[in-house]
Amino acid sequence: MLLGTVLLWALNTTVTRYVLTNGFLPLAYATLRYAAATSLFWGYTYLREGSFRIARQDFKFVALAGGMIYVNQLCFVYAIDKTSASTVTLLLGTTPIFIGIVASAVGLERLGGTFWIAAGVSIIGVALVASGSGGFSSNVGGDGLAVLTAATWGSYSVAITPLMRRYSPFRISSIVLLIGWIPLALTGAHQTAEQTFDFSTLVWVAFGFAVIGPLFLTNILWFTAIDKVGPSRASLFANLQPVFGVVFALVLLNEHLTRSEVIGGAIIIGAVLVERVRRATVNVVNVRE
């Protein structure tokens, strides 16, 4: 389940790049995709739980998480639209670093020196990826939006932490997706109205995958797997996502990586992996003690 989740997530960036370069407008794509995924989640959650009730004191966390999803999707689709899928995938490898930074800033977690060293090293990796993806001047918009995508997903992950202690991930996903979709639909209304739908069969297949795979099915697989193997082991699997994502982009879209991007991506993945292995080891030692 963990491997399947990581593969679906990794393929999502390549699929999104394909549909955006073959007729879909960025905001129209995001709006329709989230509308379809929200409908699936509401149907699934209702059949599973029969309720969407959230306590009043938790509304602020739900609203914050929904806002982060909204901004995250704006950044994601325009990052993919402006730069290559492989570059975006490498920059999204910084997501665990942003989760740690946000968690530390709001007092949810105390992080040691190893984490901050990993964060600093990751910044060097980001700079190398950005400089190698056509130069800072040509792709600075897309590269910056990719980093913001990672940062907003990190903020979303922290925002739902209190909610995950009291509700199922499916209930939270249903409500947060809806709250994030409403401003997304309003923002993208003009593109959705202008969008033509004379796409090839492959584009529609790709769109269906983007809804069912990375948005719907992965939530079920991921949280079921976490329940079986624990979050530390699951998080280590997540580090494979940038690797698989780049492979998909290179093979399916015929993209190319520069030497700076390869080195920068390796630095990002390596820094995050070392820090996560260290943290997992510390957790195991603490449990044994």
C-alpha atoms as a PDB file:
ATOM      1  CA  MET A   1       0.000   0.000   0.000  1.00  0.00           C
ATOM      2  CA  LEU A   2       2.839   2.390   0.791  1.00  0.00           C
ATOM      3  CA  LEU A   3       4.587   1.678  -2.495  1.00  0.00           C
ATOM      4  CA  GLY A   4       1.331   2.037  -4.420  1.00  0.00           C
ATOM      5  CA  THR A   5       0.638   5.371  -2.753  1.00  0.00           C
ATOM      6  CA  VAL A   6       4.109   6.708  -3.526  1.00  0.00           C
ATOM      7  CA  LEU A   7       3.877   5.603  -7.170  1.00  0.00           C
ATOM      8  CA  LEU A   8       0.479   7.290  -7.605  1.00  0.00           C
ATOM      9  CA  TRP A   9       1.735  10.514  -6.031  1.00  0.00           C
ATOM     10  CA  ALA A  10       4.891  10.437  -8.142  1.00  0.00           C
ATOM     11  CA  LEU A  11       2.975   9.951 -11.387  1.00  0.00           C
ATOM     12  CA  ASN A  12       0.599  12.824 -10.596  1.00  0.00           C
ATOM     13  CA  THR A  13       3.081  15.576 -11.516  1.00  0.00           C
ATOM     14  CA  THR A  14       3.798  14.018 -14.904  1.00  0.00           C
ATOM     15  CA  VAL A  15       0.101  13.472 -15.607  1.00  0.00           C
ATOM     16  CA  THR A  16      -0.725  17.064 -14.639  1.00  0.00           C
ATOM     17  CA  ARG A  17       2.002  18.398 -16.913  1.00  0.00           C
ATOM     18  CA  TYR A  18       0.623  16.281 -19.761  1.00  0.00           C
ATOM     19  CA  VAL A  19      -2.981  17.488 -19.450  1.00  0.00           C
ATOM     20  CA  LEU A  20      -1.926  21.130 -19.070  1.00  0.00           C
ATOM     21  CA  THR A  21       0.150  20.960 -22.238  1.00  0.00           C
ATOM     22  CA  ASN A  22      -2.621  19.218 -24.157  1.00  0.00           C
ATOM     23  CA  GLY A  23      -5.578  21.552 -23.790  1.00  0.00           C
ATOM     24  CA  PHE A  24      -6.553  21.974 -20.127  1.00  0.00           C
ATOM     25  CA  LEU A  25      -6.351  25.455 -18.628  1.00  0.00           C
ATOM     26  CA  PRO A  26      -4.653  25.379 -15.186  1.00  0.00           C
ATOM     27  CA  LEU A  27      -7.529  26.676 -13.044  1.00  0.00           C
ATOM     28  CA  ALA A  28     -10.194  24.837 -15.025  1.00  0.00           C
ATOM     29  CA  TYR A  29      -8.269  21.610 -14.485  1.00  0.00           C
ATOM     30  CA  ALA A  30      -7.850  22.233 -10.748  1.00  0.00           C
ATOM     31  CA  THR A  31     -11.501  23.226 -10.321  1.00  0.00           C
ATOM     32  CA  LEU A  32     -12.948  20.213 -12.135  1.00  0.00           C
ATOM     33  CA  ARG A  33     -10.496  17.790 -10.591  1.00  0.00           C
ATOM     34  CA  TYR A  34     -11.270  18.880  -7.053  1.00  0.00           C
ATOM     35  CA  ALA A  35     -15.002  18.938  -7.730  1.00  0.00           C
ATOM     36  CA  ALA A  36     -14.861  15.300  -8.846  1.00  0.00           C
ATOM     37  CA  ALA A  37     -12.596  14.241  -5.956  1.00  0.00           C
ATOM     38  CA  THR A  38     -14.778  16.025  -3.397  1.00  0.00           C
ATOM     39  CA  SER A  39     -17.859  14.211  -4.696  1.00  0.00           C
ATOM     40  CA  LEU A  40     -16.072  10.859  -4.424  1.00  0.00           C
ATOM     41  CA  PHE A  41     -14.913  11.566  -0.884  1.00  0.00           C
ATOM     42  CA  TRP A  42     -18.340  12.708   0.300  1.00  0.00           C
ATOM     43  CA  GLY A  43     -19.973   9.583  -1.098  1.00  0.00           C
ATOM     44  CA  TYR A  44     -17.308   7.269   0.339  1.00  0.00           C
ATOM     45  CA  THR A  45     -17.296   8.928   3.764  1.00  0.00           C
ATOM     46  CA  TYR A  46     -21.072   8.955   4.056  1.00  0.00           C
ATOM     47  CA  LEU A  47     -21.257   5.237   3.259  1.00  0.00           C
ATOM     48  CA  ARG A  48     -18.445   4.534   5.722  1.00  0.00           C
ATOM     49  CA  GLU A  49     -19.369   6.839   8.631  1.00  0.00           C
ATOM     50  CA  GLY A  50     -22.805   8.320   7.942  1.00  0.00           C
ATOM     51  CA  SER A  51     -21.776  11.692   9.362  1.00  0.00           C
ATOM     52  CA  PHE A  52     -19.643  14.737   8.605  1.00  0.00           C
ATOM     53  CA  ARG A  53     -20.018  16.361  12.013  1.00  0.00           C
ATOM     54  CA  ILE A  54     -17.134  18.519  13.226  1.00  0.00           C
ATOM     55  CA  ALA A  55     -17.124  20.151  16.668  1.00  0.00           C
ATOM     56  CA  ARG A  56     -17.413  23.930  16.671  1.00  0.00           C
ATOM     57  CA  GLN A  57     -14.029  24.418  18.334  1.00  0.00           C
ATOM     58  CA  ASP A  58     -12.387  22.619  15.411  1.00  0.00           C
ATOM     59  CA  PHE A  59     -13.800  24.901  12.722  1.00  0.00           C
ATOM     60  CA  LYS A  60     -10.710  27.126  12.792  1.00  0.00           C
ATOM     61  CA  PHE A  61      -8.420  24.184  11.981  1.00  0.00           C
ATOM     62  CA  VAL A  62     -10.729  23.036   9.184  1.00  0.00           C
ATOM     63  CA  ALA A  63     -10.861  26.544   7.704  1.00  0.00           C
ATOM     64  CA  LEU A  64      -7.083  26.917   7.904  1.00  0.00           C
ATOM     65  CA  ALA A  65      -6.520  23.524   6.277  1.00  0.00           C
ATOM     66  CA  GLY A  66      -9.005  24.350   3.519  1.00  0.00           C
ATOM     67  CA  GLY A  67      -7.260  27.666   2.894  1.00  0.00           C
ATOM     68  CA  MET A  68      -3.907  25.921   2.602  1.00  0.00           C
ATOM     69  CA  ILE A  69      -5.357  23.424   0.117  1.00  0.00           C
ATOM     70  CA  TYR A  70      -6.687  26.324  -1.975  1.00  0.00           C
ATOM     71  CA  VAL A  71      -3.343  28.136  -2.113  1.00  0.00           C
ATOM     72  CA  ASN A  72      -1.511  24.852  -2.587  1.00  0.00           C
ATOM     73  CA  GLN A  73      -3.497  24.000  -5.708  1.00  0.00           C
ATOM     74  CA  LEU A  74      -3.033  27.446  -7.208  1.00  0.00           C
ATOM     75  CA  CYS A  75       0.723  27.119  -6.743  1.00  0.00           C
ATOM     76  CA  PHE A  76       0.814  23.522  -7.966  1.00  0.00           C
ATOM     77  CA  VAL A  77      -1.000  23.909 -11.275  1.00  0.00           C
ATOM     78  CA  TYR A  78       0.856  27.088 -12.216  1.00  0.00           C
ATOM     79  CA  ALA A  79       4.214  25.620 -11.179  1.00  0.00           C
ATOM     80  CA  ILE A  80       3.538  22.666 -13.497  1.00  0.00           C
ATOM     81  CA  ASP A  81       2.332  25.048 -16.204  1.00  0.00           C
ATOM     82  CA  LYS A  82       5.492  27.176 -16.081  1.00  0.00           C
ATOM     83  CA  THR A  83       8.271  24.636 -15.617  1.00  0.00           C
ATOM     84  CA  SER A  84       9.009  20.959 -16.143  1.00  0.00           C
ATOM     85  CA  ALA A  85       7.430  18.130 -14.178  1.00  0.00           C
ATOM     86  CA  SER A  86      10.850  16.796 -13.179  1.00  0.00           C
ATOM     87  CA  THR A  87      11.917  20.161 -11.718  1.00  0.00           C
ATOM     88  CA  VAL A  88       8.680  20.506  -9.754  1.00  0.00           C
ATOM     89  CA  THR A  89       9.045  16.957  -8.469  1.00  0.00           C
ATOM     90  CA  LEU A  90      12.563  17.616  -7.189  1.00  0.00           C
ATOM     91  CA  LEU A  91      11.509  20.827  -5.437  1.00  0.00           C
ATOM     92  CA  LEU A  92       8.525  19.080  -3.837  1.00  0.00           C
ATOM     93  CA  GLY A  93      11.088  16.873  -2.134  1.00  0.00           C
ATOM     94  CA  THR A  94      11.508  19.723   0.374  1.00  0.00           C
ATOM     95  CA  THR A  95       7.989  19.157   1.766  1.00  0.00           C
ATOM     96  CA  PRO A  96       9.153  17.252   4.899  1.00  0.00           C
ATOM     97  CA  ILE A  97      11.482  20.148   5.725  1.00  0.00           C
ATOM     98  CA  PHE A  98       8.606  22.627   5.550  1.00  0.00           C
ATOM     99  CA  ILE A  99       6.437  20.371   7.710  1.00  0.00           C
ATOM    100  CA  GLY A 100       9.157  20.395  10.345  1.00  0.00           C
ATOM    101  CA  ILE A 101       9.650  24.165  10.150  1.00  0.00           C
ATOM    102  CA  VAL A 102       5.928  24.911  10.487  1.00  0.00           C
ATOM    103  CA  ALA A 103       5.470  22.351  13.280  1.00  0.00           C
ATOM    104  CA  SER A 104       8.370  23.907  15.156  1.00  0.00           C
ATOM    105  CA  ALA A 105       7.083  27.457  14.604  1.00  0.00           C
ATOM    106  CA  VAL A 106       3.655  26.675  16.105  1.00  0.00           C
ATOM    107  CA  GLY A 107       5.097  24.650  18.980  1.00  0.00           C
ATOM    108  CA  LEU A 108       3.918  21.188  17.917  1.00  0.00           C
ATOM    109  CA  GLU A 109       7.406  19.759  17.739  1.00  0.00           C
ATOM    110  CA  ARG A 110      10.887  20.488  19.088  1.00  0.00           C
ATOM    111  CA  LEU A 111      13.566  19.866  16.494  1.00  0.00           C
ATOM    112  CA  GLY A 112      17.258  19.283  17.075  1.00  0.00           C
ATOM    113  CA  GLY A 113      20.328  20.532  15.292  1.00  0.00           C
ATOM    114  CA  THR A 114      20.307  17.710  12.755  1.00  0.00           C
ATOM    115  CA  PHE A 115      17.001  18.901  11.351  1.00  0.00           C
ATOM    116  CA  TRP A 116      18.184  22.487  10.919  1.00  0.00           C
ATOM    117  CA  ILE A 117      21.360  21.304   9.237  1.00  0.00           C
ATOM    118  CA  ALA A 118      19.214  19.220   6.869  1.00  0.00           C
ATOM    119  CA  ALA A 119      17.013  22.267   6.224  1.00  0.00           C
ATOM    120  CA  GLY A 120      20.044  24.409   5.370  1.00  0.00           C
ATOM    121  CA  VAL A 121      21.477  21.738   3.082  1.00  0.00           C
ATOM    122  CA  SER A 122      18.088  21.419   1.354  1.00  0.00           C
ATOM    123  CA  ILE A 123      18.130  25.147   0.570  1.00  0.00           C
ATOM    124  CA  ILE A 124      21.418  24.626  -1.253  1.00  0.00           C
ATOM    125  CA  GLY A 125      19.774  21.796  -3.184  1.00  0.00           C
ATOM    126  CA  VAL A 126      16.812  24.023  -4.101  1.00  0.00           C
ATOM    127  CA  ALA A 127      19.190  26.707  -5.392  1.00  0.00           C
ATOM    128  CA  LEU A 128      21.007  24.179  -7.575  1.00  0.00           C
ATOM    129  CA  VAL A 129      17.757  22.765  -8.983  1.00  0.00           C
ATOM    130  CA  ALA A 130      16.446  26.255  -9.735  1.00  0.00           C
ATOM    131  CA  SER A 131      19.688  27.398 -11.361  1.00  0.00           C
ATOM    132  CA  GLY A 132      19.837  24.281 -13.490  1.00  0.00           C
ATOM    133  CA  SER A 133      16.239  24.315 -14.730  1.00  0.00           C
ATOM    134  CA  GLY A 134      16.948  26.913 -17.396  1.00  0.00           C
ATOM    135  CA  GLY A 135      18.401  29.597 -15.149  1.00  0.00           C
ATOM    136  CA  PHE A 136      16.941  31.713 -12.373  1.00  0.00           C
ATOM    137  CA  SER A 137      15.673  34.366 -14.801  1.00  0.00           C
ATOM    138  CA  SER A 138      13.754  32.020 -17.113  1.00  0.00           C
ATOM    139  CA  ASN A 139      11.976  29.724 -14.660  1.00  0.00           C
ATOM    140  CA  VAL A 140      12.034  31.656 -11.417  1.00  0.00           C
ATOM    141  CA  GLY A 141       8.217  31.873 -11.407  1.00  0.00           C
ATOM    142  CA  GLY A 142       7.654  28.158 -11.820  1.00  0.00           C
ATOM    143  CA  ASP A 143      10.452  27.230  -9.425  1.00  0.00           C
ATOM    144  CA  GLY A 144       9.184  29.649  -6.790  1.00  0.00           C
ATOM    145  CA  LEU A 145       5.642  28.309  -7.102  1.00  0.00           C
ATOM    146  CA  ALA A 146       6.935  24.742  -6.730  1.00  0.00           C
ATOM    147  CA  VAL A 147       8.653  25.685  -3.462  1.00  0.00           C
ATOM    148  CA  LEU A 148       5.454  27.420  -2.312  1.00  0.00           C
ATOM    149  CA  THR A 149       3.551  24.238  -3.171  1.00  0.00           C
ATOM    150  CA  ALA A 150       5.790  22.325  -0.790  1.00  0.00           C
ATOM    151  CA  ALA A 151       5.474  25.034   1.877  1.00  0.00           C
ATOM    152  CA  THR A 152       1.671  25.195   1.720  1.00  0.00           C
ATOM    153  CA  TRP A 153       1.371  21.414   1.823  1.00  0.00           C
ATOM    154  CA  GLY A 154       3.585  21.451   4.882  1.00  0.00           C
ATOM    155  CA  SER A 155       1.295  24.039   6.491  1.00  0.00           C
ATOM    156  CA  TYR A 156      -1.773  21.975   5.586  1.00  0.00           C
ATOM    157  CA  SER A 157      -0.204  18.859   7.122  1.00  0.00           C
ATOM    158  CA  VAL A 158       0.378  20.695  10.401  1.00  0.00           C
ATOM    159  CA  ALA A 159      -3.091  22.298  10.369  1.00  0.00           C
ATOM    160  CA  ILE A 160      -4.867  18.933  10.219  1.00  0.00           C
ATOM    161  CA  THR A 161      -2.744  17.383  12.991  1.00  0.00           C
ATOM    162  CA  PRO A 162      -5.194  18.298  15.801  1.00  0.00           C
ATOM    163  CA  LEU A 163      -8.115  17.123  13.660  1.00  0.00           C
ATOM    164  CA  MET A 164      -6.562  13.728  12.948  1.00  0.00           C
ATOM    165  CA  ARG A 165      -6.587  12.979  16.676  1.00  0.00           C
ATOM    166  CA  ARG A 166     -10.382  13.284  16.823  1.00  0.00           C
ATOM    167  CA  TYR A 167     -11.748  12.385  13.377  1.00  0.00           C
ATOM    168  CA  SER A 168     -11.096   9.885  10.629  1.00  0.00           C
ATOM    169  CA  PRO A 169      -8.876  11.019   7.729  1.00  0.00           C
ATOM    170  CA  PHE A 170     -11.793  10.455   5.376  1.00  0.00           C
ATOM    171  CA  ARG A 171     -14.103  12.855   7.208  1.00  0.00           C
ATOM    172  CA  ILE A 172     -11.356  15.470   7.369  1.00  0.00           C
ATOM    173  CA  SER A 173     -10.500  15.013   3.685  1.00  0.00           C
ATOM    174  CA  SER A 174     -14.158  15.358   2.662  1.00  0.00           C
ATOM    175  CA  ILE A 175     -14.698  18.618   4.528  1.00  0.00           C
ATOM    176  CA  VAL A 176     -11.313  20.174   3.800  1.00  0.00           C
ATOM    177  CA  LEU A 177     -11.544  19.366   0.084  1.00  0.00           C
ATOM    178  CA  LEU A 178     -14.930  21.072  -0.091  1.00  0.00           C
ATOM    179  CA  ILE A 179     -13.722  24.171   1.753  1.00  0.00           C
ATOM    180  CA  GLY A 180     -10.648  24.364  -0.476  1.00  0.00           C
ATOM    181  CA  TRP A 181     -12.656  23.778  -3.629  1.00  0.00           C
ATOM    182  CA  ILE A 182     -15.128  26.664  -3.126  1.00  0.00           C
ATOM    183  CA  PRO A 183     -12.576  29.526  -3.475  1.00  0.00           C
ATOM    184  CA  LEU A 184     -10.758  27.501  -6.130  1.00  0.00           C
ATOM    185  CA  ALA A 185     -13.962  27.301  -8.172  1.00  0.00           C
ATOM    186  CA  LEU A 186     -14.583  31.046  -7.746  1.00  0.00           C
ATOM    187  CA  THR A 187     -11.019  31.917  -8.724  1.00  0.00           C
ATOM    188  CA  GLY A 188     -11.084  29.603 -11.714  1.00  0.00           C
ATOM    189  CA  ALA A 189     -14.616  30.396 -12.885  1.00  0.00           C
ATOM    190  CA  HIS A 190     -13.438  32.415 -15.884  1.00  0.00           C
ATOM    191  CA  GLN A 191     -11.108  29.685 -17.104  1.00  0.00           C
ATOM    192  CA  THR A 192     -13.704  26.982 -16.514  1.00  0.00           C
ATOM    193  CA  ALA A 193     -16.216  28.980 -18.567  1.00  0.00           C
ATOM    194  CA  GLU A 194     -13.683  29.406 -21.374  1.00  0.00           C
ATOM    195  CA  GLN A 195     -12.483  25.815 -21.307  1.00  0.00           C
ATOM    196  CA  THR A 196     -13.224  23.661 -24.340  1.00  0.00           C
ATOM    197  CA  PHE A 197     -13.369  19.915 -23.842  1.00  0.00           C
ATOM    198  CA  ASP A 198     -12.417  18.542 -27.236  1.00  0.00           C
ATOM    199  CA  PHE A 199      -9.622  16.426 -25.759  1.00  0.00           C
ATOM    200  CA  SER A 200      -8.071  13.183 -26.882  1.00  0.00           C
ATOM    201  CA  THR A 201      -9.012   9.968 -25.105  1.00  0.00           C
ATOM    202  CA  LEU A 202      -5.610   9.897 -23.399  1.00  0.00           C
ATOM    203  CA  VAL A 203      -6.179  13.325 -21.843  1.00  0.00           C
ATOM    204  CA  TRP A 204      -9.495  12.168 -20.371  1.00  0.00           C
ATOM    205  CA  VAL A 205      -7.845   8.985 -19.071  1.00  0.00           C
ATOM    206  CA  ALA A 206      -5.125  11.119 -17.495  1.00  0.00           C
ATOM    207  CA  PHE A 207      -7.731  13.387 -15.910  1.00  0.00           C
ATOM    208  CA  GLY A 208      -9.587  10.382 -14.493  1.00  0.00           C
ATOM    209  CA  PHE A 209      -6.336   9.055 -13.056  1.00  0.00           C
ATOM    210  CA  ALA A 210      -5.549  12.435 -11.472  1.00  0.00           C
ATOM    211  CA  VAL A 211      -8.912  12.372  -9.674  1.00  0.00           C
ATOM    212  CA  ILE A 212      -9.135   8.740  -8.595  1.00  0.00           C
ATOM    213  CA  GLY A 213      -5.469   7.936  -8.024  1.00  0.00           C
ATOM    214  CA  PRO A 214      -3.506  10.752  -6.334  1.00  0.00           C
ATOM    215  CA  LEU A 215      -6.513  12.415  -4.661  1.00  0.00           C
ATOM    216  CA  PHE A 216      -8.942   9.662  -3.691  1.00  0.00           C
ATOM    217  CA  LEU A 217      -7.311   6.232  -3.640  1.00  0.00           C
ATOM    218  CA  THR A 218      -4.031   7.375  -2.079  1.00  0.00           C
ATOM    219  CA  ASN A 219      -5.804   8.695   1.018  1.00  0.00           C
ATOM    220  CA  ILE A 220      -7.332   5.274   1.639  1.00  0.00           C
ATOM    221  CA  LEU A 221      -4.065   3.416   0.998  1.00  0.00           C
ATOM    222  CA  TRP A 222      -1.851   5.842   2.918  1.00  0.00           C
ATOM    223  CA  PHE A 223      -3.842   6.040   6.130  1.00  0.00           C
ATOM    224  CA  THR A 224      -4.564   2.300   6.130  1.00  0.00           C
ATOM    225  CA  ALA A 225      -0.843   1.635   5.746  1.00  0.00           C
ATOM    226  CA  ILE A 226       0.077   4.079   8.523  1.00  0.00           C
ATOM    227  CA  ASP A 227      -2.288   2.217  10.822  1.00  0.00           C
ATOM    228  CA  LYS A 228      -0.451  -1.038  10.031  1.00  0.00           C
ATOM    229  CA  VAL A 229       3.227  -0.002   9.979  1.00  0.00           C
ATOM    230  CA  GLY A 230       3.353   3.315  11.838  1.00  0.00           C
ATOM    231  CA  PRO A 231       4.054   6.888  10.649  1.00  0.00           C
ATOM    232  CA  SER A 232       7.871   6.708  10.890  1.00  0.00           C
ATOM    233  CA  ARG A 233       8.184   3.799   8.475  1.00  0.00           C
ATOM    234  CA  ALA A 234       5.553   5.302   6.189  1.00  0.00           C
ATOM    235  CA  SER A 235       7.354   8.643   6.073  1.00  0.00           C
ATOM    236  CA  LEU A 236      10.568   6.924   4.962  1.00  0.00           C
ATOM    237  CA  PHE A 237       8.666   5.417   2.019  1.00  0.00           C
ATOM    238  CA  ALA A 238       7.482   8.900   1.065  1.00  0.00           C
ATOM    239  CA  ASN A 239      11.091   9.880   0.324  1.00  0.00           C
ATOM    240  CA  LEU A 240      10.909   7.658  -2.759  1.00  0.00           C
ATOM    241  CA  GLN A 241       8.330   9.954  -4.354  1.00  0.00           C
ATOM    242  CA  PRO A 242      10.784  12.463  -5.909  1.00  0.00           C
ATOM    243  CA  VAL A 243      12.876   9.612  -7.325  1.00  0.00           C
ATOM    244  CA  PHE A 244       9.917   7.897  -8.981  1.00  0.00           C
ATOM    245  CA  GLY A 245       8.469  11.254 -10.045  1.00  0.00           C
ATOM    246  CA  VAL A 246      11.604  12.230 -11.936  1.00  0.00           C
ATOM    247  CA  VAL A 247      11.779   8.807 -13.606  1.00  0.00           C
ATOM    248  CA  PHE A 248       8.166   9.143 -14.791  1.00  0.00           C
ATOM    249  CA  ALA A 249       8.813  12.648 -16.163  1.00  0.00           C
ATOM    250  CA  LEU A 250      11.982  11.602 -17.976  1.00  0.00           C
ATOM    251  CA  VAL A 251      10.472   8.460 -19.501  1.00  0.00           C
ATOM    252  CA  LEU A 252       6.901   9.565 -20.274  1.00  0.00           C
ATOM    253  CA  LEU A 253       7.467  13.239 -21.160  1.00  0.00           C
ATOM    254  CA  ASN A 254      11.001  12.960 -22.548  1.00  0.00           C
ATOM    255  CA  GLU A 255      12.211  15.655 -20.178  1.00  0.00           C
ATOM    256  CA  HIS A 256      15.879  16.146 -19.391  1.00  0.00           C
ATOM    257  CA  LEU A 257      17.748  17.056 -16.220  1.00  0.00           C
ATOM    258  CA  THR A 258      20.823  19.249 -16.130  1.00  0.00           C
ATOM    259  CA  ARG A 259      23.822  18.359 -13.986  1.00  0.00           C
ATOM    260  CA  SER A 260      22.857  21.057 -11.470  1.00  0.00           C
ATOM    261  CA  GLU A 261      19.344  19.625 -11.160  1.00  0.00           C
ATOM    262  CA  VAL A 262      20.677  16.106 -10.587  1.00  0.00           C
ATOM    263  CA  ILE A 263      23.097  17.303  -7.910  1.00  0.00           C
ATOM    264  CA  GLY A 264      20.521  19.589  -6.306  1.00  0.00           C
ATOM    265  CA  GLY A 265      17.859  16.881  -6.294  1.00  0.00           C
ATOM    266  CA  ALA A 266      20.281  14.391  -4.756  1.00  0.00           C
ATOM    267  CA  ILE A 267      21.156  16.919  -2.049  1.00  0.00           C
ATOM    268  CA  ILE A 268      17.473  17.560  -1.220  1.00  0.00           C
ATOM    269  CA  ILE A 269      16.538  13.876  -1.104  1.00  0.00           C
ATOM    270  CA  GLY A 270      19.700  12.939   0.779  1.00  0.00           C
ATOM    271  CA  ALA A 271      19.274  15.647   3.420  1.00  0.00           C
ATOM    272  CA  VAL A 272      15.638  14.746   4.046  1.00  0.00           C
ATOM    273  CA  LEU A 273      16.353  11.010   4.097  1.00  0.00           C
ATOM    274  CA  VAL A 274      19.248  11.303   6.558  1.00  0.00           C
ATOM    275  CA  GLU A 275      17.173  13.463   8.904  1.00  0.00           C
ATOM    276  CA  ARG A 276      14.194  11.125   8.742  1.00  0.00           C
ATOM    277  CA  VAL A 277      16.300   8.010   9.317  1.00  0.00           C
ATOM    278  CA  ARG A 278      17.891   9.709  12.324  1.00  0.00           C
ATOM    279  CA  ARG A 279      14.488  10.697  13.700  1.00  0.00           C
ATOM    280  CA  ALA A 280      13.068   7.205  13.162  1.00  0.00           C
ATOM    281  CA  THR A 281      16.076   5.707  14.945  1.00  0.00           C
ATOM    282  CA  VAL A 282      15.643   8.078  17.878  1.00  0.00           C
ATOM    283  CA  ASN A 283      11.955   7.169  18.116  1.00  0.00           C
ATOM    284  CA  VAL A 284      12.757   3.440  18.172  1.00  0.00           C
ATOM    285  CA  VAL A 285      15.381   3.942  20.885  1.00  0.00           C
ATOM    286  CA  ASN A 286      12.961   5.998  22.967  1.00  0.00           C
ATOM    287  CA  VAL A 287      10.278   3.309  22.670  1.00  0.00           C
ATOM    288  CA  ARG A 288      12.714   0.581  23.702  1.00  0.00           C
ATOM    289  CA  GLU A 289      13.894   2.623  26.673  1.00  0.00           C
END
